[in-house]
Amino acid sequence: MRRPVPERYRHLRTFAFGDGPALADRLLALVIAGVKTATCSTEDEPNTSTPGERWVVLDGEGEPRCVIESTEITYRRFGDVDAAFAYDEGEGDRRLDYWRQAHRTYFGRLGRFSEDMMLMCERFRLVEVFADPASKDL
């Protein structure tokens, strides 16, 4: 059974990180832990955002788990993403080399990778974490 999004956030758009349930859950855990404070997507994806916009983040099962707020949006070519942004994405060892390899693989799975592809690079802050769906206090 799907839990409803809290009333104060029902007007927000929803999304899950990644391209499958396992990746969605892994990246969500990094967000909730405060490690992941940035993400990127191709510039033509429907999840484009604007600073100040809030989103409900779903887990791999489609359950609402938290709200994030975009704080910065920049557009950069894949090769222009810097070490600071890679670190803020919070994945792997947080180094730029890891980020590049992981994103080559990810965008390759989507059939969208090229070395000069334009990315929407977004920084965000965690606004609220919802109760764990396994909790009996729902």
N, C-alpha and C. Protein backbone atom coordinates (compact mmCIF):
# COMPACT_ATOMS: atom_id res chain seq x y z
N MET A 1 0.85 -1.18 0.00
CA MET A 1 0.00 0.00 0.00
C MET A 1 0.89 1.24 0.00
N ARG A 2 0.60 2.16 -0.87
CA ARG A 2 1.35 3.41 -0.96
C ARG A 2 0.94 4.35 0.16
N ARG A 3 1.96 4.95 0.76
CA ARG A 3 1.69 5.97 1.78
C ARG A 3 1.42 7.28 1.06
N PRO A 4 0.49 8.06 1.56
CA PRO A 4 0.26 9.36 0.92
C PRO A 4 1.39 10.33 1.25
N VAL A 5 1.61 11.24 0.35
CA VAL A 5 2.53 12.34 0.59
C VAL A 5 1.87 13.24 1.63
N PRO A 6 2.61 13.71 2.64
CA PRO A 6 2.01 14.63 3.61
C PRO A 6 1.31 15.80 2.90
N GLU A 7 0.20 16.18 3.44
CA GLU A 7 -0.66 17.21 2.82
C GLU A 7 0.12 18.44 2.36
N ARG A 8 1.02 18.95 3.18
CA ARG A 8 1.73 20.20 2.84
C ARG A 8 2.65 20.06 1.63
N TYR A 9 2.89 18.81 1.18
CA TYR A 9 3.76 18.58 0.03
C TYR A 9 3.04 17.96 -1.17
N ARG A 10 1.75 17.82 -1.10
CA ARG A 10 1.02 17.13 -2.19
C ARG A 10 1.05 17.88 -3.51
N HIS A 11 1.32 19.14 -3.49
CA HIS A 11 1.37 19.93 -4.73
C HIS A 11 2.72 19.80 -5.45
N LEU A 12 3.70 19.16 -4.81
CA LEU A 12 5.04 19.05 -5.39
C LEU A 12 5.14 17.91 -6.40
N ARG A 13 6.07 18.07 -7.33
CA ARG A 13 6.38 16.97 -8.25
C ARG A 13 7.18 15.91 -7.49
N THR A 14 7.12 14.68 -7.99
CA THR A 14 7.83 13.58 -7.36
C THR A 14 8.82 12.97 -8.35
N PHE A 15 9.86 12.33 -7.83
CA PHE A 15 10.81 11.60 -8.67
C PHE A 15 11.60 10.65 -7.80
N ALA A 16 12.27 9.71 -8.45
CA ALA A 16 13.21 8.82 -7.78
C ALA A 16 14.56 8.99 -8.48
N PHE A 17 15.63 8.93 -7.72
CA PHE A 17 16.96 8.99 -8.30
C PHE A 17 17.25 7.72 -9.10
N GLY A 18 18.11 7.84 -10.10
CA GLY A 18 18.61 6.67 -10.81
C GLY A 18 17.65 6.11 -11.84
N ASP A 19 17.94 4.87 -12.24
CA ASP A 19 17.16 4.22 -13.30
C ASP A 19 16.63 2.85 -12.88
N GLY A 20 16.48 2.64 -11.61
CA GLY A 20 15.93 1.38 -11.13
C GLY A 20 15.80 1.40 -9.62
N PRO A 21 15.05 0.46 -9.06
CA PRO A 21 14.80 0.45 -7.62
C PRO A 21 16.05 0.40 -6.74
N ALA A 22 17.02 -0.43 -7.08
CA ALA A 22 18.22 -0.55 -6.23
C ALA A 22 19.00 0.75 -6.21
N LEU A 23 19.19 1.36 -7.37
CA LEU A 23 19.93 2.63 -7.42
C LEU A 23 19.14 3.73 -6.73
N ALA A 24 17.83 3.75 -6.93
CA ALA A 24 16.99 4.76 -6.26
C ALA A 24 17.17 4.68 -4.75
N ASP A 25 17.14 3.47 -4.20
CA ASP A 25 17.29 3.30 -2.75
C ASP A 25 18.68 3.68 -2.28
N ARG A 26 19.70 3.31 -3.03
CA ARG A 26 21.08 3.62 -2.64
C ARG A 26 21.32 5.14 -2.62
N LEU A 27 20.85 5.83 -3.66
CA LEU A 27 21.05 7.28 -3.72
C LEU A 27 20.20 8.01 -2.69
N LEU A 28 18.98 7.53 -2.48
CA LEU A 28 18.12 8.11 -1.45
C LEU A 28 18.77 8.01 -0.08
N ALA A 29 19.37 6.88 0.23
CA ALA A 29 20.05 6.70 1.52
C ALA A 29 21.16 7.73 1.69
N LEU A 30 21.88 8.04 0.61
CA LEU A 30 22.93 9.06 0.68
C LEU A 30 22.35 10.44 0.94
N VAL A 31 21.19 10.73 0.34
CA VAL A 31 20.52 12.01 0.57
C VAL A 31 20.11 12.13 2.03
N ILE A 32 19.43 11.10 2.54
CA ILE A 32 18.94 11.13 3.92
C ILE A 32 20.09 11.22 4.91
N ALA A 33 21.23 10.61 4.59
CA ALA A 33 22.41 10.67 5.46
C ALA A 33 23.14 12.01 5.36
N GLY A 34 22.72 12.87 4.43
CA GLY A 34 23.36 14.18 4.27
C GLY A 34 24.62 14.15 3.44
N VAL A 35 24.90 13.02 2.80
CA VAL A 35 26.11 12.87 1.99
C VAL A 35 25.90 13.39 0.58
N LYS A 36 24.77 13.08 -0.01
CA LYS A 36 24.45 13.49 -1.38
C LYS A 36 23.67 14.79 -1.35
N THR A 37 24.28 15.85 -1.88
CA THR A 37 23.63 17.17 -1.92
C THR A 37 23.62 17.74 -3.33
N ALA A 38 23.85 16.87 -4.32
CA ALA A 38 23.84 17.29 -5.72
C ALA A 38 23.44 16.11 -6.59
N THR A 39 22.99 16.43 -7.79
CA THR A 39 22.64 15.43 -8.78
C THR A 39 22.73 16.06 -10.15
N CYS A 40 22.71 15.24 -11.17
CA CYS A 40 22.72 15.78 -12.53
C CYS A 40 21.82 14.94 -13.41
N SER A 41 21.42 15.54 -14.51
CA SER A 41 20.59 14.85 -15.50
C SER A 41 20.90 15.48 -16.85
N THR A 42 20.44 14.82 -17.90
CA THR A 42 20.61 15.43 -19.21
C THR A 42 19.71 16.65 -19.27
N GLU A 43 20.11 17.63 -20.03
CA GLU A 43 19.38 18.90 -20.03
C GLU A 43 17.96 18.79 -20.54
N ASP A 44 17.63 17.71 -21.25
CA ASP A 44 16.30 17.57 -21.82
C ASP A 44 15.38 16.64 -21.03
N GLU A 45 15.82 16.17 -19.87
CA GLU A 45 14.96 15.31 -19.05
C GLU A 45 13.82 16.13 -18.44
N PRO A 46 12.69 15.48 -18.16
CA PRO A 46 11.55 16.22 -17.61
C PRO A 46 11.74 16.66 -16.16
N ASN A 47 12.77 16.16 -15.48
CA ASN A 47 12.98 16.52 -14.08
C ASN A 47 13.80 17.78 -13.91
N THR A 48 13.82 18.65 -14.91
CA THR A 48 14.56 19.90 -14.75
C THR A 48 13.92 20.72 -13.64
N SER A 49 14.74 21.48 -12.96
CA SER A 49 14.31 22.18 -11.77
C SER A 49 14.74 23.64 -11.83
N THR A 50 14.29 24.40 -10.86
CA THR A 50 14.72 25.79 -10.70
C THR A 50 15.08 26.00 -9.23
N PRO A 51 16.00 26.91 -8.93
CA PRO A 51 16.34 27.16 -7.52
C PRO A 51 15.09 27.52 -6.72
N GLY A 52 15.00 26.93 -5.54
CA GLY A 52 13.84 27.15 -4.67
C GLY A 52 12.74 26.13 -4.86
N GLU A 53 12.77 25.38 -5.95
CA GLU A 53 11.75 24.37 -6.19
C GLU A 53 11.98 23.18 -5.26
N ARG A 54 10.89 22.65 -4.75
CA ARG A 54 10.96 21.47 -3.88
C ARG A 54 10.39 20.27 -4.60
N TRP A 55 10.92 19.10 -4.24
CA TRP A 55 10.52 17.84 -4.84
C TRP A 55 10.31 16.80 -3.74
N VAL A 56 9.35 15.91 -3.94
CA VAL A 56 9.21 14.74 -3.09
C VAL A 56 10.04 13.63 -3.74
N VAL A 57 10.96 13.05 -2.96
CA VAL A 57 11.81 11.98 -3.46
C VAL A 57 11.19 10.64 -3.06
N LEU A 58 11.08 9.76 -4.06
CA LEU A 58 10.50 8.43 -3.86
C LEU A 58 11.61 7.41 -3.70
N ASP A 59 11.32 6.34 -2.96
CA ASP A 59 12.27 5.23 -2.86
C ASP A 59 12.07 4.29 -4.05
N GLY A 60 12.79 3.19 -4.05
CA GLY A 60 12.73 2.25 -5.16
C GLY A 60 11.38 1.57 -5.34
N GLU A 61 10.53 1.63 -4.33
CA GLU A 61 9.18 1.05 -4.42
C GLU A 61 8.13 2.12 -4.71
N GLY A 62 8.58 3.35 -4.93
CA GLY A 62 7.65 4.43 -5.22
C GLY A 62 7.05 5.09 -4.00
N GLU A 63 7.60 4.80 -2.82
CA GLU A 63 7.10 5.41 -1.58
C GLU A 63 7.75 6.77 -1.37
N PRO A 64 6.99 7.78 -0.97
CA PRO A 64 7.57 9.09 -0.66
C PRO A 64 8.43 9.00 0.60
N ARG A 65 9.67 9.49 0.52
CA ARG A 65 10.59 9.35 1.65
C ARG A 65 11.13 10.66 2.18
N CYS A 66 11.23 11.68 1.32
CA CYS A 66 11.75 12.96 1.81
C CYS A 66 11.42 14.07 0.82
N VAL A 67 11.74 15.29 1.24
CA VAL A 67 11.60 16.46 0.37
C VAL A 67 12.96 17.13 0.29
N ILE A 68 13.33 17.49 -0.95
CA ILE A 68 14.55 18.27 -1.17
C ILE A 68 14.17 19.58 -1.83
N GLU A 69 15.06 20.57 -1.70
CA GLU A 69 14.86 21.87 -2.33
C GLU A 69 16.08 22.22 -3.16
N SER A 70 15.87 22.52 -4.42
CA SER A 70 16.96 22.93 -5.31
C SER A 70 17.55 24.25 -4.82
N THR A 71 18.87 24.31 -4.75
CA THR A 71 19.52 25.55 -4.32
C THR A 71 20.35 26.18 -5.43
N GLU A 72 20.75 25.39 -6.41
CA GLU A 72 21.58 25.91 -7.50
C GLU A 72 21.42 25.02 -8.72
N ILE A 73 21.27 25.63 -9.87
CA ILE A 73 21.22 24.92 -11.14
C ILE A 73 22.26 25.54 -12.07
N THR A 74 23.13 24.70 -12.61
CA THR A 74 24.07 25.14 -13.63
C THR A 74 24.03 24.13 -14.77
N TYR A 75 24.41 24.57 -15.94
CA TYR A 75 24.50 23.69 -17.09
C TYR A 75 25.96 23.58 -17.48
N ARG A 76 26.44 22.34 -17.58
CA ARG A 76 27.84 22.10 -17.91
C ARG A 76 27.94 20.90 -18.84
N ARG A 77 28.95 20.93 -19.67
CA ARG A 77 29.27 19.75 -20.47
C ARG A 77 29.82 18.68 -19.53
N PHE A 78 29.65 17.42 -19.90
CA PHE A 78 30.13 16.30 -19.09
C PHE A 78 31.58 16.52 -18.66
N GLY A 79 32.45 16.87 -19.60
CA GLY A 79 33.87 17.05 -19.31
C GLY A 79 34.19 18.25 -18.46
N ASP A 80 33.22 19.15 -18.26
CA ASP A 80 33.45 20.35 -17.45
C ASP A 80 32.98 20.20 -16.00
N VAL A 81 32.38 19.07 -15.68
CA VAL A 81 31.98 18.84 -14.29
C VAL A 81 33.27 18.76 -13.45
N ASP A 82 33.30 19.48 -12.34
CA ASP A 82 34.52 19.56 -11.54
C ASP A 82 34.48 18.65 -10.31
N ALA A 83 35.61 18.59 -9.63
CA ALA A 83 35.76 17.72 -8.47
C ALA A 83 34.82 18.11 -7.33
N ALA A 84 34.55 19.39 -7.16
CA ALA A 84 33.65 19.82 -6.09
C ALA A 84 32.24 19.30 -6.32
N PHE A 85 31.78 19.35 -7.57
CA PHE A 85 30.44 18.84 -7.86
C PHE A 85 30.40 17.32 -7.67
N ALA A 86 31.42 16.63 -8.16
CA ALA A 86 31.49 15.17 -8.00
C ALA A 86 31.44 14.81 -6.51
N TYR A 87 32.15 15.55 -5.69
CA TYR A 87 32.16 15.31 -4.25
C TYR A 87 30.75 15.49 -3.67
N ASP A 88 30.07 16.57 -4.08
CA ASP A 88 28.73 16.85 -3.56
C ASP A 88 27.71 15.82 -4.01
N GLU A 89 27.95 15.14 -5.14
CA GLU A 89 27.03 14.07 -5.55
C GLU A 89 27.09 12.91 -4.56
N GLY A 90 28.21 12.78 -3.84
CA GLY A 90 28.28 11.85 -2.71
C GLY A 90 28.42 10.38 -3.03
N GLU A 91 28.67 10.04 -4.27
CA GLU A 91 28.69 8.63 -4.66
C GLU A 91 30.10 8.05 -4.65
N GLY A 92 30.19 6.74 -4.38
CA GLY A 92 31.48 6.05 -4.41
C GLY A 92 32.48 6.70 -3.47
N ASP A 93 33.70 6.91 -3.96
CA ASP A 93 34.74 7.54 -3.14
C ASP A 93 34.70 9.06 -3.24
N ARG A 94 33.71 9.59 -3.95
CA ARG A 94 33.44 11.02 -4.09
C ARG A 94 34.47 11.76 -4.95
N ARG A 95 35.36 11.01 -5.59
CA ARG A 95 36.36 11.65 -6.45
C ARG A 95 35.82 11.80 -7.88
N LEU A 96 36.38 12.76 -8.61
CA LEU A 96 35.95 13.05 -9.97
C LEU A 96 36.11 11.84 -10.89
N ASP A 97 37.20 11.10 -10.77
CA ASP A 97 37.38 9.92 -11.62
C ASP A 97 36.25 8.91 -11.42
N TYR A 98 35.87 8.68 -10.17
CA TYR A 98 34.76 7.77 -9.90
C TYR A 98 33.48 8.31 -10.52
N TRP A 99 33.22 9.60 -10.31
CA TRP A 99 32.01 10.23 -10.83
C TRP A 99 31.93 10.05 -12.34
N ARG A 100 33.03 10.33 -13.03
CA ARG A 100 33.02 10.22 -14.50
C ARG A 100 32.70 8.80 -14.95
N GLN A 101 33.36 7.82 -14.35
CA GLN A 101 33.11 6.43 -14.76
C GLN A 101 31.68 6.01 -14.46
N ALA A 102 31.20 6.33 -13.27
CA ALA A 102 29.84 5.95 -12.89
C ALA A 102 28.80 6.60 -13.81
N HIS A 103 29.02 7.86 -14.18
CA HIS A 103 28.06 8.55 -15.02
C HIS A 103 28.18 8.15 -16.49
N ARG A 104 29.37 7.80 -16.95
CA ARG A 104 29.48 7.21 -18.29
C ARG A 104 28.63 5.94 -18.36
N THR A 105 28.75 5.12 -17.33
CA THR A 105 27.99 3.86 -17.28
C THR A 105 26.49 4.15 -17.20
N TYR A 106 26.09 5.05 -16.30
CA TYR A 106 24.67 5.36 -16.12
C TYR A 106 24.05 5.93 -17.40
N PHE A 107 24.64 6.98 -17.94
CA PHE A 107 24.07 7.59 -19.15
C PHE A 107 24.21 6.65 -20.35
N GLY A 108 25.21 5.79 -20.34
CA GLY A 108 25.34 4.77 -21.38
C GLY A 108 24.17 3.79 -21.34
N ARG A 109 23.78 3.37 -20.13
CA ARG A 109 22.61 2.48 -20.00
C ARG A 109 21.37 3.13 -20.58
N LEU A 110 21.28 4.44 -20.45
CA LEU A 110 20.12 5.17 -20.96
C LEU A 110 20.23 5.45 -22.45
N GLY A 111 21.39 5.12 -23.04
CA GLY A 111 21.62 5.39 -24.46
C GLY A 111 21.82 6.86 -24.76
N ARG A 112 22.31 7.62 -23.78
CA ARG A 112 22.40 9.07 -23.94
C ARG A 112 23.80 9.62 -23.75
N PHE A 113 24.80 8.77 -23.53
CA PHE A 113 26.12 9.29 -23.19
C PHE A 113 26.90 9.80 -24.39
N SER A 114 27.53 10.96 -24.21
CA SER A 114 28.58 11.44 -25.10
C SER A 114 29.50 12.32 -24.26
N GLU A 115 30.75 12.37 -24.61
CA GLU A 115 31.74 13.13 -23.83
C GLU A 115 31.41 14.62 -23.76
N ASP A 116 30.68 15.13 -24.74
CA ASP A 116 30.36 16.57 -24.73
C ASP A 116 28.89 16.85 -24.42
N MET A 117 28.20 15.84 -23.86
CA MET A 117 26.77 16.04 -23.54
C MET A 117 26.61 17.16 -22.51
N MET A 118 25.50 17.89 -22.63
CA MET A 118 25.18 18.95 -21.69
C MET A 118 24.38 18.37 -20.54
N LEU A 119 24.78 18.72 -19.32
CA LEU A 119 24.10 18.25 -18.11
C LEU A 119 23.51 19.40 -17.33
N MET A 120 22.38 19.16 -16.71
CA MET A 120 21.84 20.07 -15.72
C MET A 120 22.41 19.59 -14.39
N CYS A 121 23.24 20.41 -13.78
CA CYS A 121 23.89 20.08 -12.50
C CYS A 121 23.16 20.84 -11.40
N GLU A 122 22.62 20.10 -10.48
CA GLU A 122 21.75 20.67 -9.45
C GLU A 122 22.31 20.38 -8.06
N ARG A 123 22.38 21.41 -7.26
CA ARG A 123 22.66 21.24 -5.84
C ARG A 123 21.34 21.42 -5.10
N PHE A 124 21.20 20.73 -3.99
CA PHE A 124 19.95 20.78 -3.25
C PHE A 124 20.22 20.62 -1.76
N ARG A 125 19.19 20.93 -0.98
CA ARG A 125 19.26 20.70 0.46
C ARG A 125 18.10 19.81 0.86
N LEU A 126 18.33 19.03 1.90
CA LEU A 126 17.29 18.16 2.45
C LEU A 126 16.38 19.01 3.32
N VAL A 127 15.08 18.95 3.06
CA VAL A 127 14.10 19.74 3.80
C VAL A 127 13.47 18.92 4.92
N GLU A 128 13.01 17.71 4.58
CA GLU A 128 12.34 16.88 5.57
C GLU A 128 12.44 15.42 5.16
N VAL A 129 12.64 14.55 6.15
CA VAL A 129 12.62 13.11 5.94
C VAL A 129 11.31 12.59 6.53
N PHE A 130 10.60 11.78 5.77
CA PHE A 130 9.36 11.19 6.25
C PHE A 130 9.66 9.95 7.07
N ALA A 131 8.71 9.50 7.85
CA ALA A 131 8.88 8.30 8.67
C ALA A 131 9.24 7.12 7.78
N ASP A 132 10.03 6.22 8.33
CA ASP A 132 10.41 4.99 7.62
C ASP A 132 9.15 4.21 7.31
N PRO A 133 8.98 3.77 6.05
CA PRO A 133 7.74 3.04 5.70
C PRO A 133 7.57 1.73 6.47
N ALA A 134 8.64 1.19 7.01
CA ALA A 134 8.53 -0.05 7.79
C ALA A 134 8.11 0.24 9.24
N SER A 135 8.10 1.50 9.62
CA SER A 135 7.77 1.89 10.99
C SER A 135 6.30 1.65 11.28
N LYS A 136 5.99 1.26 12.49
CA LYS A 136 4.61 1.06 12.90
C LYS A 136 3.94 2.35 13.34
N ASP A 137 4.72 3.45 13.32
CA ASP A 137 4.19 4.73 13.78
C ASP A 137 3.60 5.55 12.63
N LEU A 138 3.18 4.91 11.57
CA LEU A 138 2.68 5.68 10.41
C LEU A 138 1.33 6.25 10.67
